[in-house]
Amino acid sequence: MNKVILVTGASSGFGRLTANALALAGHTVFASMRDTNGRNAPQVADVRKFASDNKVDLRPLELDVSSQPSVDAGVWQLLHEAGRIDVVVHNAGHMVFGPAEAFTPEQFAELYDINVLSTQRVNRAVLPHMRKRREGLLVWVSSSSSAGGTPPYLSPYFAAKAGMDALAVQYARELTRWGIETSIIVPGAFTRGTNHFAHSGKPADRARAAEYEQGPYASLAEQIQEAFGKIVPDDADPDAVAKAIVDVVAAPFGKRPFRVHIDPSQDGASVAFAVIDRVRDEMLHRVGFSDLLRPRSNGHAGVLHE
């Protein structure tokens, strides 16, 4: 069944791969990004070319997840064109790389805004429409760093992704009675096919960063990237993330997995999250809220967690 899908952060990386894959699967997909008439104009042209070449319904959409007015306007435009919204893929995000102390509090706040508050802005724009119809699906692109083994020098990004993952879990419980489902996609490290390291932000306090580089942590940054290169298989394909999202969207109501792990480096997140999610679920069972783990639809409940 054709679904109307919004993908945030779809100018490149997982977002663009996912938008393409969902369109090829027969859905109406809005590939959202900011600055469509400026910096991302080439990406907009490429989206349109892909749609034309493949005869699919893939549409670029101006939407800056850091601005509530922009989010509201983008969602309004989507609803005006398509009449409804069935699925949101929360993909927008940004990574930084360097010693935590060298990042200013303002940089931490910016990372939290992009990776966490962006999802809140989008949810506030789309959920009233989903709740009115009592159906919908939120797909959150999380990170294995939220529970798996992690290297240093990525703490602002990892902290923000952990916050987004925690928010996704709580939203899931607050939406099941509305018939709205949740799936959390948990990618591990990918060293090709995305722009995470190439476009990663740097510490604003260069003097502090230099103290690390000139002290006992000299060359650690290069060593971390080299280590990633060794533990991530050469054939690790980020298209696997897009395919996982296509599969989640295609799954029948009530049978969608709560988490899907795509982790070529095997950092242990799948093991840790299995325990964490079970503990969380058991608490809800103990206090009598088991129904919050099952999405409702016209009086029929399906299993949310598998």
Protein backbone atom coordinates (compact mmCIF):
# COMPACT_ATOMS: atom_id res chain seq x y z
CA MET A 1 0.00 0.00 0.00
CA ASN A 2 1.31 3.44 -0.97
CA LYS A 3 2.21 5.60 2.02
CA VAL A 4 2.97 9.28 2.28
CA ILE A 5 6.34 9.60 3.98
CA LEU A 6 8.40 12.50 5.30
CA VAL A 7 12.15 11.94 5.60
CA THR A 8 14.13 14.61 7.45
CA GLY A 9 17.74 15.38 6.65
CA ALA A 10 17.40 13.86 3.19
CA SER A 11 20.05 15.88 1.34
CA SER A 12 22.65 13.12 1.76
CA GLY A 13 23.69 10.03 3.72
CA PHE A 14 21.14 7.73 5.32
CA GLY A 15 18.36 10.23 4.66
CA ARG A 16 18.86 10.41 0.93
CA LEU A 17 19.42 6.66 0.58
CA THR A 18 16.23 6.04 2.56
CA ALA A 19 14.17 8.52 0.54
CA ASN A 20 15.32 6.90 -2.71
CA ALA A 21 14.64 3.38 -1.45
CA LEU A 22 11.17 4.22 -0.15
CA ALA A 23 10.25 5.89 -3.43
CA LEU A 24 11.46 2.87 -5.38
CA ALA A 25 9.24 0.74 -3.12
CA GLY A 26 6.22 2.63 -4.44
CA HIS A 27 5.64 5.26 -1.76
CA THR A 28 5.13 9.01 -2.04
CA VAL A 29 8.23 10.40 -0.39
CA PHE A 30 9.05 13.98 0.61
CA ALA A 31 12.84 14.33 0.86
CA SER A 32 13.14 17.30 3.19
CA MET A 33 16.18 19.51 3.64
CA ARG A 34 16.95 23.12 4.41
CA ASP A 35 18.08 25.86 2.03
CA THR A 36 16.63 24.22 -1.07
CA ASN A 37 17.17 27.38 -3.11
CA GLY A 38 20.74 27.86 -1.94
CA ARG A 39 23.32 25.43 -0.64
CA ASN A 40 21.16 22.37 -1.27
CA ALA A 41 19.91 23.43 -4.71
CA PRO A 42 22.11 20.76 -6.39
CA GLN A 43 20.60 18.11 -4.09
CA VAL A 44 17.10 19.28 -5.01
CA ALA A 45 17.93 18.95 -8.70
CA ASP A 46 19.35 15.49 -8.09
CA VAL A 47 16.20 14.41 -6.21
CA ARG A 48 14.06 15.52 -9.13
CA LYS A 49 16.33 13.78 -11.61
CA PHE A 50 16.17 10.54 -9.61
CA ALA A 51 12.38 10.77 -9.55
CA SER A 52 12.22 11.36 -13.30
CA ASP A 53 14.78 8.71 -14.22
CA ASN A 54 13.11 6.06 -12.06
CA LYS A 55 9.50 7.20 -12.56
CA VAL A 56 8.87 7.38 -8.82
CA ASP A 57 7.09 9.88 -6.58
CA LEU A 58 10.02 11.50 -4.81
CA ARG A 59 9.65 15.20 -4.02
CA PRO A 60 12.10 17.69 -2.50
CA LEU A 61 10.72 19.69 0.41
CA GLU A 62 12.06 22.79 2.12
CA LEU A 63 12.17 22.03 5.84
CA ASP A 64 14.72 23.24 8.36
CA VAL A 65 14.39 21.05 11.45
CA SER A 66 16.00 23.79 13.57
CA SER A 67 13.07 26.14 12.92
CA GLN A 68 9.52 25.50 14.08
CA PRO A 69 8.03 27.89 11.49
CA SER A 70 9.95 26.09 8.75
CA VAL A 71 8.84 22.68 10.03
CA ASP A 72 5.22 23.84 10.24
CA ALA A 73 5.37 25.30 6.73
CA GLY A 74 6.96 22.15 5.32
CA VAL A 75 4.41 19.85 6.90
CA TRP A 76 1.60 22.14 5.69
CA GLN A 77 3.00 21.95 2.15
CA LEU A 78 3.18 18.15 2.36
CA LEU A 79 -0.40 17.90 3.57
CA HIS A 80 -1.56 20.36 0.92
CA GLU A 81 0.02 18.24 -1.82
CA ALA A 82 -0.62 14.72 -0.49
CA GLY A 83 -3.63 15.11 1.80
CA ARG A 84 -2.21 13.00 4.61
CA ILE A 85 1.00 11.85 6.29
CA ASP A 86 1.50 8.19 7.17
CA VAL A 87 5.16 7.90 8.16
CA VAL A 88 7.88 10.18 9.51
CA VAL A 89 11.52 9.14 9.34
CA HIS A 90 13.47 11.12 11.95
CA ASN A 91 16.88 11.10 10.31
CA ALA A 92 18.22 14.66 10.54
CA GLY A 93 21.40 14.86 12.55
CA HIS A 94 24.93 16.17 12.72
CA MET A 95 28.18 14.82 14.13
CA VAL A 96 31.18 16.56 15.72
CA PHE A 97 34.63 15.18 16.45
CA GLY A 98 37.16 16.24 19.08
CA PRO A 99 37.82 16.32 22.85
CA ALA A 100 34.67 17.15 24.81
CA GLU A 101 36.29 19.93 26.85
CA ALA A 102 37.17 21.86 23.70
CA PHE A 103 33.53 22.20 22.64
CA THR A 104 31.67 25.20 24.02
CA PRO A 105 28.34 24.75 25.83
CA GLU A 106 26.77 26.50 22.87
CA GLN A 107 28.09 23.79 20.56
CA PHE A 108 26.65 21.10 22.81
CA ALA A 109 23.32 22.93 22.72
CA GLU A 110 23.44 23.14 18.93
CA LEU A 111 24.07 19.38 18.65
CA TYR A 112 21.17 18.70 21.00
CA ASP A 113 18.98 21.02 18.97
CA ILE A 114 19.76 19.28 15.67
CA ASN A 115 19.62 15.71 16.93
CA VAL A 116 16.89 15.90 19.59
CA LEU A 117 14.83 19.09 19.53
CA SER A 118 14.39 18.70 15.77
CA THR A 119 12.35 15.55 16.36
CA GLN A 120 10.15 17.40 18.85
CA ARG A 121 9.44 20.16 16.34
CA VAL A 122 8.51 17.65 13.64
CA ASN A 123 6.39 15.58 16.04
CA ARG A 124 4.42 18.62 17.16
CA ALA A 125 3.67 19.39 13.52
CA VAL A 126 2.68 15.90 12.36
CA LEU A 127 1.23 14.11 15.36
CA PRO A 128 -2.05 16.04 15.51
CA HIS A 129 -2.80 14.72 12.00
CA MET A 130 -1.78 11.16 12.86
CA ARG A 131 -3.73 11.19 16.12
CA LYS A 132 -6.83 12.48 14.35
CA ARG A 133 -6.65 9.50 11.96
CA ARG A 134 -5.52 7.19 14.81
CA GLU A 135 -2.77 5.68 12.73
CA GLY A 136 0.79 6.41 11.75
CA LEU A 137 4.39 5.32 12.10
CA LEU A 138 7.42 7.10 13.54
CA VAL A 139 10.79 5.75 12.47
CA TRP A 140 13.72 7.08 14.48
CA VAL A 141 17.29 6.75 13.17
CA SER A 142 19.23 6.31 16.40
CA SER A 143 22.83 5.17 16.92
CA SER A 144 24.48 2.08 18.36
CA SER A 145 26.55 4.50 20.45
CA SER A 146 23.51 4.88 22.74
CA ALA A 147 24.19 1.44 24.21
CA GLY A 148 27.25 -0.08 22.51
CA GLY A 149 30.97 0.35 22.94
CA THR A 150 32.15 3.79 21.89
CA PRO A 151 35.46 5.58 21.32
CA PRO A 152 36.20 9.01 22.80
CA TYR A 153 36.13 12.33 20.91
CA LEU A 154 32.50 11.93 19.83
CA SER A 155 30.80 12.71 23.12
CA PRO A 156 28.60 15.68 22.07
CA TYR A 157 27.14 13.62 19.23
CA PHE A 158 26.80 10.45 21.30
CA ALA A 159 25.12 12.33 24.15
CA ALA A 160 22.63 13.89 21.75
CA LYS A 161 21.85 10.56 20.07
CA ALA A 162 21.31 8.94 23.47
CA GLY A 163 18.86 11.72 24.28
CA MET A 164 17.01 11.17 21.01
CA ASP A 165 16.82 7.43 21.64
CA ALA A 166 15.39 7.96 25.13
CA LEU A 167 12.82 10.38 23.71
CA ALA A 168 11.81 7.85 21.04
CA VAL A 169 11.19 5.18 23.69
CA GLN A 170 8.96 7.44 25.76
CA TYR A 171 7.05 8.71 22.75
CA ALA A 172 6.33 5.10 21.80
CA ARG A 173 4.47 4.54 25.09
CA GLU A 174 2.51 7.78 24.70
CA LEU A 175 1.34 7.01 21.15
CA THR A 176 0.29 3.35 21.18
CA ARG A 177 -3.23 4.13 22.40
CA TRP A 178 -3.58 6.48 19.43
CA GLY A 179 -2.71 3.61 17.09
CA ILE A 180 0.65 5.13 16.20
CA GLU A 181 3.59 2.75 15.95
CA THR A 182 7.29 3.27 16.63
CA SER A 183 10.38 1.61 15.17
CA ILE A 184 13.90 2.62 16.16
CA ILE A 185 16.61 1.94 13.59
CA VAL A 186 20.03 1.54 15.22
CA PRO A 187 22.92 1.91 12.76
CA GLY A 188 26.46 1.21 13.84
CA ALA A 189 29.55 2.84 12.34
CA PHE A 190 29.78 3.15 8.57
CA THR A 191 32.94 4.56 7.05
CA ARG A 192 31.71 4.92 3.49
CA GLY A 193 28.53 6.07 1.82
CA THR A 194 27.84 8.76 4.43
CA ASN A 195 29.40 12.15 5.17
CA HIS A 196 29.58 11.88 8.94
CA PHE A 197 33.35 12.19 9.35
CA ALA A 198 33.87 14.38 6.28
CA HIS A 199 31.29 16.94 7.43
CA SER A 200 31.78 16.58 11.19
CA GLY A 201 32.06 19.75 13.25
CA LYS A 202 35.20 20.73 15.14
CA PRO A 203 35.73 22.21 18.62
CA ALA A 204 35.33 25.98 18.75
CA ASP A 205 37.95 26.29 21.49
CA ARG A 206 40.99 25.54 19.38
CA ALA A 207 43.41 26.36 22.20
CA ARG A 208 41.92 23.61 24.41
CA ALA A 209 41.90 21.18 21.51
CA ALA A 210 45.58 21.94 20.89
CA GLU A 211 46.41 21.17 24.51
CA TYR A 212 45.02 17.67 24.01
CA GLU A 213 46.82 17.24 20.71
CA GLN A 214 50.12 18.42 22.18
CA GLY A 215 49.73 16.43 25.41
CA PRO A 216 49.18 12.77 26.31
CA TYR A 217 46.35 12.47 23.75
CA ALA A 218 48.53 13.45 20.81
CA SER A 219 47.44 11.75 17.56
CA LEU A 220 44.41 10.11 19.22
CA ALA A 221 42.05 11.61 16.63
CA GLU A 222 43.91 9.92 13.79
CA GLN A 223 44.14 6.68 15.75
CA ILE A 224 40.37 6.62 16.32
CA GLN A 225 39.58 7.07 12.65
CA GLU A 226 42.16 4.43 11.75
CA ALA A 227 40.62 2.03 14.28
CA PHE A 228 37.16 2.58 12.79
CA GLY A 229 38.58 1.78 9.39
CA LYS A 230 39.84 -1.55 10.71
CA ILE A 231 36.73 -2.74 12.55
CA VAL A 232 34.17 -1.74 9.92
CA PRO A 233 34.14 -4.34 7.11
CA ASP A 234 35.02 -3.08 3.65
CA ASP A 235 31.69 -4.31 2.33
CA ALA A 236 29.62 -2.48 4.98
CA ASP A 237 26.93 -0.84 2.87
CA PRO A 238 24.84 2.04 4.26
CA ASP A 239 22.09 0.99 1.86
CA ALA A 240 21.35 -1.69 4.48
CA VAL A 241 19.96 1.05 6.73
CA ALA A 242 17.64 2.26 3.98
CA LYS A 243 16.52 -1.31 3.25
CA ALA A 244 15.73 -1.87 6.93
CA ILE A 245 13.51 1.20 6.95
CA VAL A 246 11.75 0.06 3.76
CA ASP A 247 11.09 -3.31 5.42
CA VAL A 248 9.70 -1.66 8.56
CA VAL A 249 7.34 0.52 6.53
CA ALA A 250 6.20 -2.52 4.53
CA ALA A 251 5.51 -4.66 7.60
CA PRO A 252 1.87 -5.07 8.67
CA PHE A 253 0.42 -3.12 11.55
CA GLY A 254 1.37 -4.62 14.91
CA LYS A 255 4.25 -6.63 13.46
CA ARG A 256 6.79 -3.86 13.13
CA PRO A 257 9.90 -4.45 15.26
CA PHE A 258 10.61 -1.95 18.00
CA ARG A 259 14.34 -1.94 17.20
CA VAL A 260 16.33 -2.94 14.14
CA HIS A 261 20.12 -3.13 14.40
CA ILE A 262 22.39 -2.61 11.38
CA ASP A 263 25.84 -2.71 12.90
CA PRO A 264 28.77 -3.88 10.76
CA SER A 265 31.26 -3.21 13.58
CA GLN A 266 29.30 -5.30 16.13
CA ASP A 267 29.83 -2.90 19.01
CA GLY A 268 27.46 -4.76 21.34
CA ALA A 269 24.49 -2.40 21.17
CA SER A 270 22.11 -5.17 20.10
CA VAL A 271 22.94 -7.12 23.27
CA ALA A 272 22.76 -4.09 25.57
CA PHE A 273 19.49 -2.79 24.12
CA ALA A 274 17.89 -6.23 24.41
CA VAL A 275 18.47 -6.03 28.16
CA ILE A 276 17.60 -2.34 28.51
CA ASP A 277 14.34 -2.61 26.58
CA ARG A 278 13.33 -5.74 28.46
CA VAL A 279 13.90 -4.04 31.81
CA ARG A 280 11.84 -1.06 30.70
CA ASP A 281 9.03 -3.29 29.46
CA GLU A 282 8.99 -5.33 32.66
CA MET A 283 8.51 -2.16 34.70
CA LEU A 284 5.44 -1.26 32.66
CA HIS A 285 4.09 -4.78 33.17
CA ARG A 286 4.66 -4.50 36.95
CA VAL A 287 2.75 -1.24 37.29
CA GLY A 288 -0.16 -2.33 35.09
CA PHE A 289 0.60 -0.48 31.87
CA SER A 290 1.21 -3.46 29.59
CA ASP A 291 -1.20 -2.07 27.02
CA LEU A 292 1.24 0.76 26.32
CA LEU A 293 3.46 -1.79 24.57
CA ARG A 294 0.77 -2.62 22.00
CA PRO A 295 -0.56 -0.25 19.34
CA ARG A 296 -4.32 0.00 19.09
CA SER A 297 -6.22 -0.01 15.81
CA ASN A 298 -10.00 -0.18 15.54
CA GLY A 299 -10.15 -2.31 18.65
CA HIS A 300 -7.47 -4.74 17.46
CA ALA A 301 -4.08 -4.78 19.19
CA GLY A 302 -0.86 -5.93 17.61
CA VAL A 303 2.46 -6.72 19.21
CA LEU A 304 4.83 -3.77 19.22
CA HIS A 305 7.85 -5.51 20.73
CA GLU A 306 9.13 -8.72 19.23
